[in-house]
Amino acid sequence: MHYECNPALGSEAREGDVPMKSAESSVAVVVSPASAVRRAPLTRQQVVGFWAAWLGNMLDGMDAVIYTLVLVPAISELLPPSGFEASSSNIGLTGSILFALFLAGWSCSFIWGPIADRFGRTRAMAGTIIMYSVFTGLGALTQDIWQLAADSDVSRPPIPI
């Protein structure tokens, strides 16, 4: 079998080399099996891990959308017991501050890397899920805007997704 060599490679074709034709030109390039890049197939654990992370991110995004949908009615109800008038400007300001705190939780998720390194990924993830669930549940029991901020924004940990 005859192989054409790429002069830039500076070597002769060897047994096992695979000839490849360039799309841009008619020059044949020889790729040695040892130098060919081959991707290993994904394991079942890697595929499950990918989809779990993707679903987690999707649910986190859904949480943000739901948060924006209920923000105005919830703030309208919670501002008067907190000592503020439920005007559109107060609702907008308070909603902006609360949503900024909500997003700050996402931006601080990098702190869970060192925690996971020290205690293990499973324990770190379980801890964040438990904390997230507890403080989200406490958000349902809020009586004023300050409790809402503490329960659902400040005290809820950033999730390591």
N, C-alpha and C. Protein backbone atom coordinates (compact mmCIF):
# COMPACT_ATOMS: atom_id res chain seq x y z
N MET A 1 0.85 -1.17 0.00
CA MET A 1 0.00 0.00 0.00
C MET A 1 0.89 1.23 0.00
N HIS A 2 0.53 2.22 -0.78
CA HIS A 2 1.34 3.42 -0.91
C HIS A 2 0.69 4.57 -0.15
N TYR A 3 1.49 5.28 0.69
CA TYR A 3 1.03 6.45 1.44
C TYR A 3 1.81 7.65 0.98
N GLU A 4 1.12 8.76 0.83
CA GLU A 4 1.81 10.01 0.54
C GLU A 4 2.14 10.67 1.87
N CYS A 5 3.32 11.23 1.93
CA CYS A 5 3.76 11.86 3.17
C CYS A 5 3.66 13.36 3.07
N ASN A 6 3.36 13.98 4.14
CA ASN A 6 3.38 15.43 4.23
C ASN A 6 4.83 15.84 4.44
N PRO A 7 5.38 16.66 3.54
CA PRO A 7 6.78 17.03 3.69
C PRO A 7 7.05 17.77 5.00
N ALA A 8 6.06 18.43 5.54
CA ALA A 8 6.26 19.16 6.79
C ALA A 8 6.51 18.22 7.95
N LEU A 9 6.01 16.98 7.85
CA LEU A 9 6.22 16.03 8.92
C LEU A 9 7.66 15.53 8.95
N GLY A 10 8.28 15.51 7.79
CA GLY A 10 9.67 15.11 7.72
C GLY A 10 9.89 13.64 8.03
N SER A 11 8.90 12.82 7.79
CA SER A 11 9.08 11.40 8.04
C SER A 11 8.44 10.61 6.92
N GLU A 12 8.84 9.40 6.83
CA GLU A 12 8.28 8.50 5.84
C GLU A 12 7.08 7.78 6.45
N ALA A 13 6.23 7.30 5.59
CA ALA A 13 5.07 6.56 6.06
C ALA A 13 5.51 5.24 6.67
N ARG A 14 4.84 4.87 7.74
CA ARG A 14 5.13 3.62 8.41
C ARG A 14 3.89 2.75 8.38
N GLU A 15 4.07 1.49 8.68
CA GLU A 15 2.94 0.59 8.72
C GLU A 15 2.00 1.02 9.85
N GLY A 16 0.73 1.08 9.59
CA GLY A 16 -0.25 1.50 10.59
C GLY A 16 -0.63 2.96 10.46
N ASP A 17 0.13 3.74 9.67
CA ASP A 17 -0.23 5.14 9.46
C ASP A 17 -1.49 5.22 8.62
N VAL A 18 -2.29 6.22 8.88
CA VAL A 18 -3.56 6.40 8.19
C VAL A 18 -3.47 7.62 7.29
N PRO A 19 -3.67 7.45 5.98
CA PRO A 19 -3.63 8.63 5.11
C PRO A 19 -4.92 9.43 5.26
N MET A 20 -4.79 10.73 5.32
CA MET A 20 -5.94 11.62 5.43
C MET A 20 -5.78 12.70 4.39
N LYS A 21 -6.84 13.04 3.71
CA LYS A 21 -6.80 14.06 2.69
C LYS A 21 -7.32 15.36 3.26
N SER A 22 -6.60 16.45 3.05
CA SER A 22 -7.00 17.75 3.54
C SER A 22 -8.18 18.26 2.73
N ALA A 23 -9.13 18.93 3.39
CA ALA A 23 -10.31 19.46 2.70
C ALA A 23 -9.95 20.65 1.82
N GLU A 24 -8.92 21.41 2.20
CA GLU A 24 -8.57 22.60 1.45
C GLU A 24 -7.71 22.31 0.23
N SER A 25 -6.98 21.24 0.26
CA SER A 25 -6.08 20.97 -0.87
C SER A 25 -6.09 19.49 -1.19
N SER A 26 -5.37 19.16 -2.22
CA SER A 26 -5.30 17.76 -2.62
C SER A 26 -4.08 17.08 -2.02
N VAL A 27 -3.40 17.73 -1.09
CA VAL A 27 -2.23 17.15 -0.45
C VAL A 27 -2.69 16.16 0.60
N ALA A 28 -2.15 14.97 0.53
CA ALA A 28 -2.48 13.95 1.52
C ALA A 28 -1.60 14.13 2.73
N VAL A 29 -2.17 13.96 3.90
CA VAL A 29 -1.45 14.09 5.16
C VAL A 29 -1.47 12.74 5.84
N VAL A 30 -0.35 12.36 6.37
CA VAL A 30 -0.27 11.08 7.08
C VAL A 30 -0.41 11.35 8.57
N VAL A 31 -1.33 10.63 9.17
CA VAL A 31 -1.54 10.75 10.61
C VAL A 31 -1.22 9.41 11.23
N SER A 32 -0.28 9.43 12.12
CA SER A 32 0.10 8.22 12.82
C SER A 32 -0.95 7.90 13.88
N PRO A 33 -1.31 6.64 14.05
CA PRO A 33 -2.31 6.31 15.06
C PRO A 33 -1.93 6.80 16.45
N ALA A 34 -0.65 6.85 16.74
CA ALA A 34 -0.22 7.31 18.06
C ALA A 34 -0.47 8.80 18.23
N SER A 35 -0.42 9.56 17.12
CA SER A 35 -0.62 11.00 17.23
C SER A 35 -2.05 11.42 16.96
N ALA A 36 -2.88 10.50 16.50
CA ALA A 36 -4.28 10.84 16.22
C ALA A 36 -5.02 11.07 17.54
N VAL A 37 -5.86 12.09 17.56
CA VAL A 37 -6.63 12.40 18.76
C VAL A 37 -7.89 11.55 18.73
N ARG A 38 -8.04 10.77 19.76
CA ARG A 38 -9.23 9.94 19.87
C ARG A 38 -9.91 10.28 21.18
N ARG A 39 -11.19 10.47 21.11
CA ARG A 39 -11.95 10.76 22.32
C ARG A 39 -12.46 9.47 22.92
N ALA A 40 -12.24 9.35 24.18
CA ALA A 40 -12.75 8.18 24.89
C ALA A 40 -14.24 8.32 25.04
N PRO A 41 -14.97 7.24 24.94
CA PRO A 41 -16.42 7.34 25.13
C PRO A 41 -16.73 7.71 26.58
N LEU A 42 -17.82 8.43 26.75
CA LEU A 42 -18.23 8.83 28.09
C LEU A 42 -18.74 7.63 28.86
N THR A 43 -18.42 7.60 30.13
CA THR A 43 -18.93 6.53 30.97
C THR A 43 -20.37 6.86 31.39
N ARG A 44 -21.05 5.87 31.90
CA ARG A 44 -22.42 6.09 32.36
C ARG A 44 -22.46 7.14 33.47
N GLN A 45 -21.48 7.10 34.36
CA GLN A 45 -21.41 8.05 35.46
C GLN A 45 -21.22 9.48 34.94
N GLN A 46 -20.42 9.67 33.90
CA GLN A 46 -20.22 11.00 33.32
C GLN A 46 -21.50 11.51 32.66
N VAL A 47 -22.22 10.64 31.98
CA VAL A 47 -23.46 11.04 31.33
C VAL A 47 -24.50 11.42 32.38
N VAL A 48 -24.63 10.60 33.41
CA VAL A 48 -25.58 10.90 34.49
C VAL A 48 -25.19 12.20 35.19
N GLY A 49 -23.90 12.40 35.43
CA GLY A 49 -23.43 13.63 36.06
C GLY A 49 -23.74 14.86 35.22
N PHE A 50 -23.55 14.74 33.91
CA PHE A 50 -23.86 15.86 33.02
C PHE A 50 -25.34 16.22 33.10
N TRP A 51 -26.21 15.21 32.97
CA TRP A 51 -27.65 15.50 32.97
C TRP A 51 -28.12 15.99 34.34
N ALA A 52 -27.52 15.50 35.41
CA ALA A 52 -27.88 16.00 36.75
C ALA A 52 -27.51 17.47 36.88
N ALA A 53 -26.31 17.83 36.41
CA ALA A 53 -25.90 19.24 36.47
C ALA A 53 -26.77 20.10 35.57
N TRP A 54 -27.11 19.59 34.39
CA TRP A 54 -27.96 20.35 33.47
C TRP A 54 -29.34 20.57 34.07
N LEU A 55 -29.92 19.53 34.65
CA LEU A 55 -31.24 19.67 35.28
C LEU A 55 -31.18 20.62 36.47
N GLY A 56 -30.10 20.55 37.23
CA GLY A 56 -29.93 21.47 38.36
C GLY A 56 -29.90 22.91 37.90
N ASN A 57 -29.14 23.18 36.84
CA ASN A 57 -29.10 24.54 36.30
C ASN A 57 -30.46 24.97 35.76
N MET A 58 -31.16 24.04 35.11
CA MET A 58 -32.48 24.37 34.57
C MET A 58 -33.44 24.71 35.72
N LEU A 59 -33.41 23.92 36.79
CA LEU A 59 -34.30 24.18 37.91
C LEU A 59 -33.92 25.47 38.63
N ASP A 60 -32.63 25.78 38.68
CA ASP A 60 -32.20 27.03 39.28
C ASP A 60 -32.70 28.22 38.45
N GLY A 61 -32.65 28.09 37.13
CA GLY A 61 -33.19 29.13 36.26
C GLY A 61 -34.69 29.26 36.42
N MET A 62 -35.37 28.11 36.56
CA MET A 62 -36.82 28.14 36.77
C MET A 62 -37.14 28.84 38.09
N ASP A 63 -36.31 28.62 39.09
CA ASP A 63 -36.48 29.28 40.38
C ASP A 63 -36.41 30.80 40.22
N ALA A 64 -35.48 31.26 39.40
CA ALA A 64 -35.35 32.71 39.16
C ALA A 64 -36.58 33.25 38.44
N VAL A 65 -37.11 32.49 37.49
CA VAL A 65 -38.30 32.95 36.77
C VAL A 65 -39.51 33.00 37.70
N ILE A 66 -39.69 31.96 38.50
CA ILE A 66 -40.81 31.94 39.44
C ILE A 66 -40.67 33.09 40.45
N TYR A 67 -39.44 33.31 40.88
CA TYR A 67 -39.17 34.40 41.83
C TYR A 67 -39.63 35.74 41.26
N THR A 68 -39.32 35.98 40.00
CA THR A 68 -39.74 37.26 39.40
C THR A 68 -41.25 37.33 39.20
N LEU A 69 -41.90 36.19 39.01
CA LEU A 69 -43.36 36.19 38.83
C LEU A 69 -44.10 36.52 40.13
N VAL A 70 -43.60 36.04 41.26
CA VAL A 70 -44.30 36.25 42.54
C VAL A 70 -43.74 37.42 43.33
N LEU A 71 -42.71 38.06 42.81
CA LEU A 71 -42.04 39.12 43.55
C LEU A 71 -42.97 40.30 43.85
N VAL A 72 -43.66 40.82 42.86
CA VAL A 72 -44.52 42.00 43.07
C VAL A 72 -45.68 41.69 44.01
N PRO A 73 -46.44 40.60 43.80
CA PRO A 73 -47.53 40.34 44.76
C PRO A 73 -47.02 40.09 46.18
N ALA A 74 -45.90 39.38 46.32
CA ALA A 74 -45.38 39.10 47.66
C ALA A 74 -44.90 40.38 48.34
N ILE A 75 -44.18 41.22 47.61
CA ILE A 75 -43.69 42.47 48.21
C ILE A 75 -44.84 43.40 48.53
N SER A 76 -45.86 43.45 47.67
CA SER A 76 -47.03 44.30 47.95
C SER A 76 -47.70 43.89 49.25
N GLU A 77 -47.68 42.61 49.55
CA GLU A 77 -48.30 42.12 50.77
C GLU A 77 -47.39 42.30 52.00
N LEU A 78 -46.08 42.21 51.80
CA LEU A 78 -45.15 42.24 52.93
C LEU A 78 -44.62 43.62 53.29
N LEU A 79 -44.72 44.60 52.40
CA LEU A 79 -44.21 45.94 52.72
C LEU A 79 -44.99 46.63 53.84
N PRO A 80 -46.34 46.67 53.82
CA PRO A 80 -47.06 47.37 54.90
C PRO A 80 -46.75 46.85 56.30
N PRO A 81 -46.68 45.51 56.55
CA PRO A 81 -46.30 45.08 57.90
C PRO A 81 -44.86 45.45 58.27
N SER A 82 -44.04 45.75 57.27
CA SER A 82 -42.64 46.12 57.52
C SER A 82 -42.49 47.62 57.76
N GLY A 83 -43.57 48.37 57.64
CA GLY A 83 -43.52 49.80 57.89
C GLY A 83 -43.28 50.63 56.64
N PHE A 84 -43.46 50.07 55.47
CA PHE A 84 -43.28 50.80 54.23
C PHE A 84 -44.58 50.82 53.44
N GLU A 85 -44.79 51.91 52.72
CA GLU A 85 -45.96 52.01 51.85
C GLU A 85 -45.75 51.10 50.64
N ALA A 86 -46.81 50.44 50.20
CA ALA A 86 -46.72 49.53 49.06
C ALA A 86 -46.90 50.31 47.76
N SER A 87 -46.09 51.35 47.55
CA SER A 87 -46.15 52.13 46.31
C SER A 87 -45.32 51.43 45.25
N SER A 88 -45.53 51.81 44.00
CA SER A 88 -44.80 51.16 42.90
C SER A 88 -43.29 51.40 43.00
N SER A 89 -42.89 52.59 43.49
CA SER A 89 -41.46 52.86 43.63
C SER A 89 -40.84 52.01 44.74
N ASN A 90 -41.54 51.86 45.86
CA ASN A 90 -41.03 51.01 46.94
C ASN A 90 -40.98 49.53 46.54
N ILE A 91 -42.00 49.11 45.80
CA ILE A 91 -42.03 47.72 45.32
C ILE A 91 -40.86 47.48 44.36
N GLY A 92 -40.63 48.43 43.45
CA GLY A 92 -39.53 48.30 42.50
C GLY A 92 -38.17 48.29 43.18
N LEU A 93 -37.97 49.20 44.14
CA LEU A 93 -36.70 49.27 44.85
C LEU A 93 -36.46 48.00 45.68
N THR A 94 -37.45 47.60 46.44
CA THR A 94 -37.31 46.42 47.28
C THR A 94 -37.12 45.17 46.43
N GLY A 95 -37.89 45.07 45.37
CA GLY A 95 -37.75 43.92 44.46
C GLY A 95 -36.37 43.86 43.83
N SER A 96 -35.84 45.02 43.46
CA SER A 96 -34.49 45.05 42.87
C SER A 96 -33.44 44.60 43.88
N ILE A 97 -33.56 45.07 45.11
CA ILE A 97 -32.60 44.69 46.14
C ILE A 97 -32.69 43.19 46.43
N LEU A 98 -33.91 42.68 46.58
CA LEU A 98 -34.08 41.26 46.86
C LEU A 98 -33.59 40.39 45.71
N PHE A 99 -33.85 40.80 44.48
CA PHE A 99 -33.40 40.02 43.34
C PHE A 99 -31.87 40.08 43.21
N ALA A 100 -31.28 41.23 43.55
CA ALA A 100 -29.81 41.32 43.55
C ALA A 100 -29.22 40.38 44.59
N LEU A 101 -29.84 40.27 45.75
CA LEU A 101 -29.39 39.32 46.76
C LEU A 101 -29.55 37.88 46.27
N PHE A 102 -30.64 37.63 45.57
CA PHE A 102 -30.89 36.31 44.99
C PHE A 102 -29.77 35.95 44.01
N LEU A 103 -29.40 36.88 43.15
CA LEU A 103 -28.34 36.64 42.18
C LEU A 103 -26.97 36.56 42.85
N ALA A 104 -26.79 37.26 43.96
CA ALA A 104 -25.52 37.19 44.68
C ALA A 104 -25.26 35.77 45.17
N GLY A 105 -26.30 35.05 45.48
CA GLY A 105 -26.13 33.64 45.86
C GLY A 105 -25.51 32.83 44.74
N TRP A 106 -25.91 33.09 43.51
CA TRP A 106 -25.30 32.40 42.36
C TRP A 106 -23.84 32.79 42.21
N SER A 107 -23.54 34.07 42.38
CA SER A 107 -22.17 34.52 42.14
C SER A 107 -21.21 34.06 43.24
N CYS A 108 -21.73 33.62 44.36
CA CYS A 108 -20.87 33.16 45.45
C CYS A 108 -20.75 31.64 45.50
N SER A 109 -21.19 30.96 44.47
CA SER A 109 -21.17 29.49 44.50
C SER A 109 -19.76 28.92 44.48
N PHE A 110 -18.76 29.74 44.13
CA PHE A 110 -17.39 29.25 44.11
C PHE A 110 -16.88 28.84 45.49
N ILE A 111 -17.52 29.29 46.56
CA ILE A 111 -17.03 28.94 47.91
C ILE A 111 -17.24 27.46 48.22
N TRP A 112 -18.12 26.79 47.48
CA TRP A 112 -18.39 25.39 47.76
C TRP A 112 -17.32 24.46 47.22
N GLY A 113 -16.45 24.94 46.34
CA GLY A 113 -15.35 24.11 45.85
C GLY A 113 -14.41 23.69 46.97
N PRO A 114 -13.87 24.66 47.73
CA PRO A 114 -13.00 24.27 48.85
C PRO A 114 -13.73 23.44 49.91
N ILE A 115 -15.01 23.73 50.12
CA ILE A 115 -15.78 22.94 51.09
C ILE A 115 -15.90 21.50 50.60
N ALA A 116 -16.16 21.34 49.31
CA ALA A 116 -16.25 20.00 48.73
C ALA A 116 -14.90 19.29 48.77
N ASP A 117 -13.82 20.03 48.56
CA ASP A 117 -12.49 19.42 48.65
C ASP A 117 -12.20 18.90 50.05
N ARG A 118 -12.65 19.63 51.03
CA ARG A 118 -12.35 19.25 52.42
C ARG A 118 -13.27 18.14 52.93
N PHE A 119 -14.56 18.23 52.63
CA PHE A 119 -15.53 17.29 53.19
C PHE A 119 -16.09 16.29 52.19
N GLY A 120 -15.79 16.48 50.92
CA GLY A 120 -16.31 15.58 49.89
C GLY A 120 -17.47 16.22 49.15
N ARG A 121 -17.56 15.89 47.88
CA ARG A 121 -18.61 16.49 47.04
C ARG A 121 -20.00 16.08 47.45
N THR A 122 -20.15 14.83 47.84
CA THR A 122 -21.48 14.35 48.22
C THR A 122 -21.99 15.07 49.46
N ARG A 123 -21.13 15.21 50.45
CA ARG A 123 -21.55 15.90 51.68
C ARG A 123 -21.81 17.38 51.43
N ALA A 124 -20.97 18.01 50.61
CA ALA A 124 -21.18 19.43 50.31
C ALA A 124 -22.50 19.64 49.56
N MET A 125 -22.76 18.79 48.58
CA MET A 125 -24.00 18.92 47.82
C MET A 125 -25.21 18.63 48.70
N ALA A 126 -25.12 17.60 49.53
CA ALA A 126 -26.22 17.28 50.45
C ALA A 126 -26.46 18.44 51.41
N GLY A 127 -25.39 19.04 51.90
CA GLY A 127 -25.52 20.19 52.81
C GLY A 127 -26.21 21.37 52.14
N THR A 128 -25.85 21.65 50.90
CA THR A 128 -26.49 22.77 50.21
C THR A 128 -27.95 22.49 49.91
N ILE A 129 -28.26 21.25 49.58
CA ILE A 129 -29.66 20.90 49.30
C ILE A 129 -30.50 21.03 50.57
N ILE A 130 -29.97 20.56 51.68
CA ILE A 130 -30.70 20.67 52.96
C ILE A 130 -30.89 22.14 53.34
N MET A 131 -29.81 22.94 53.25
CA MET A 131 -29.92 24.35 53.61
C MET A 131 -30.89 25.08 52.68
N TYR A 132 -30.81 24.79 51.40
CA TYR A 132 -31.69 25.41 50.41
C TYR A 132 -33.15 25.09 50.75
N SER A 133 -33.41 23.83 51.05
CA SER A 133 -34.78 23.40 51.36
C SER A 133 -35.30 24.05 52.63
N VAL A 134 -34.48 24.08 53.68
CA VAL A 134 -34.90 24.66 54.96
C VAL A 134 -35.24 26.15 54.80
N PHE A 135 -34.33 26.91 54.19
CA PHE A 135 -34.55 28.35 54.09
C PHE A 135 -35.62 28.71 53.07
N THR A 136 -35.80 27.89 52.03
CA THR A 136 -36.92 28.12 51.11
C THR A 136 -38.24 27.86 51.83
N GLY A 137 -38.27 26.80 52.65
CA GLY A 137 -39.47 26.52 53.44
C GLY A 137 -39.77 27.63 54.45
N LEU A 138 -38.73 28.18 55.06
CA LEU A 138 -38.92 29.29 55.99
C LEU A 138 -39.46 30.53 55.27
N GLY A 139 -39.14 30.65 53.99
CA GLY A 139 -39.67 31.77 53.22
C GLY A 139 -41.19 31.76 53.14
N ALA A 140 -41.79 30.59 53.23
CA ALA A 140 -43.26 30.50 53.20
C ALA A 140 -43.88 31.01 54.50
N LEU A 141 -43.11 31.12 55.55
CA LEU A 141 -43.64 31.54 56.85
C LEU A 141 -43.35 33.01 57.16
N THR A 142 -42.84 33.75 56.22
CA THR A 142 -42.45 35.13 56.49
C THR A 142 -43.65 36.03 56.76
N GLN A 143 -43.44 37.00 57.65
CA GLN A 143 -44.48 37.94 58.02
C GLN A 143 -44.17 39.36 57.55
N ASP A 144 -42.89 39.64 57.24
CA ASP A 144 -42.54 40.96 56.75
C ASP A 144 -41.38 40.84 55.76
N ILE A 145 -41.00 41.96 55.18
CA ILE A 145 -40.00 41.97 54.12
C ILE A 145 -38.62 41.57 54.63
N TRP A 146 -38.33 41.88 55.90
CA TRP A 146 -37.02 41.55 56.47
C TRP A 146 -36.86 40.05 56.63
N GLN A 147 -37.91 39.38 57.05
CA GLN A 147 -37.85 37.92 57.16
C GLN A 147 -37.70 37.28 55.78
N LEU A 148 -38.38 37.84 54.81
CA LEU A 148 -38.25 37.31 53.44
C LEU A 148 -36.81 37.44 52.95
N ALA A 149 -36.21 38.59 53.20
CA ALA A 149 -34.81 38.79 52.79
C ALA A 149 -33.89 37.82 53.51
N ALA A 150 -34.10 37.62 54.79
CA ALA A 150 -33.24 36.72 55.56
C ALA A 150 -33.47 35.26 55.18
N ASP A 151 -34.72 34.87 55.00
CA ASP A 151 -35.02 33.47 54.74
C ASP A 151 -34.68 33.03 53.33
N SER A 152 -35.07 33.80 52.35
CA SER A 152 -34.94 33.30 50.98
C SER A 152 -33.76 33.86 50.22
N ASP A 153 -33.09 34.88 50.74
CA ASP A 153 -31.98 35.45 49.99
C ASP A 153 -30.66 35.36 50.72
N VAL A 154 -30.57 35.93 51.90
CA VAL A 154 -29.30 36.04 52.59
C VAL A 154 -28.88 34.71 53.19
N SER A 155 -29.80 34.01 53.84
CA SER A 155 -29.44 32.80 54.57
C SER A 155 -29.35 31.57 53.69
N ARG A 156 -29.95 31.60 52.52
CA ARG A 156 -29.88 30.43 51.64
C ARG A 156 -28.50 30.38 51.01
N PRO A 157 -27.88 29.22 51.03
CA PRO A 157 -26.50 29.15 50.51
C PRO A 157 -26.49 29.19 49.00
N PRO A 158 -25.40 29.64 48.43
CA PRO A 158 -25.25 29.53 46.99
C PRO A 158 -25.09 28.06 46.62
N ILE A 159 -25.74 27.63 45.60
CA ILE A 159 -25.76 26.22 45.23
C ILE A 159 -24.61 25.95 44.25
N PRO A 160 -23.82 24.91 44.51
CA PRO A 160 -22.66 24.62 43.65
C PRO A 160 -23.05 23.82 42.41
N ILE A 161 -23.58 24.47 41.44
CA ILE A 161 -23.97 23.78 40.21
C ILE A 161 -23.07 24.18 39.08
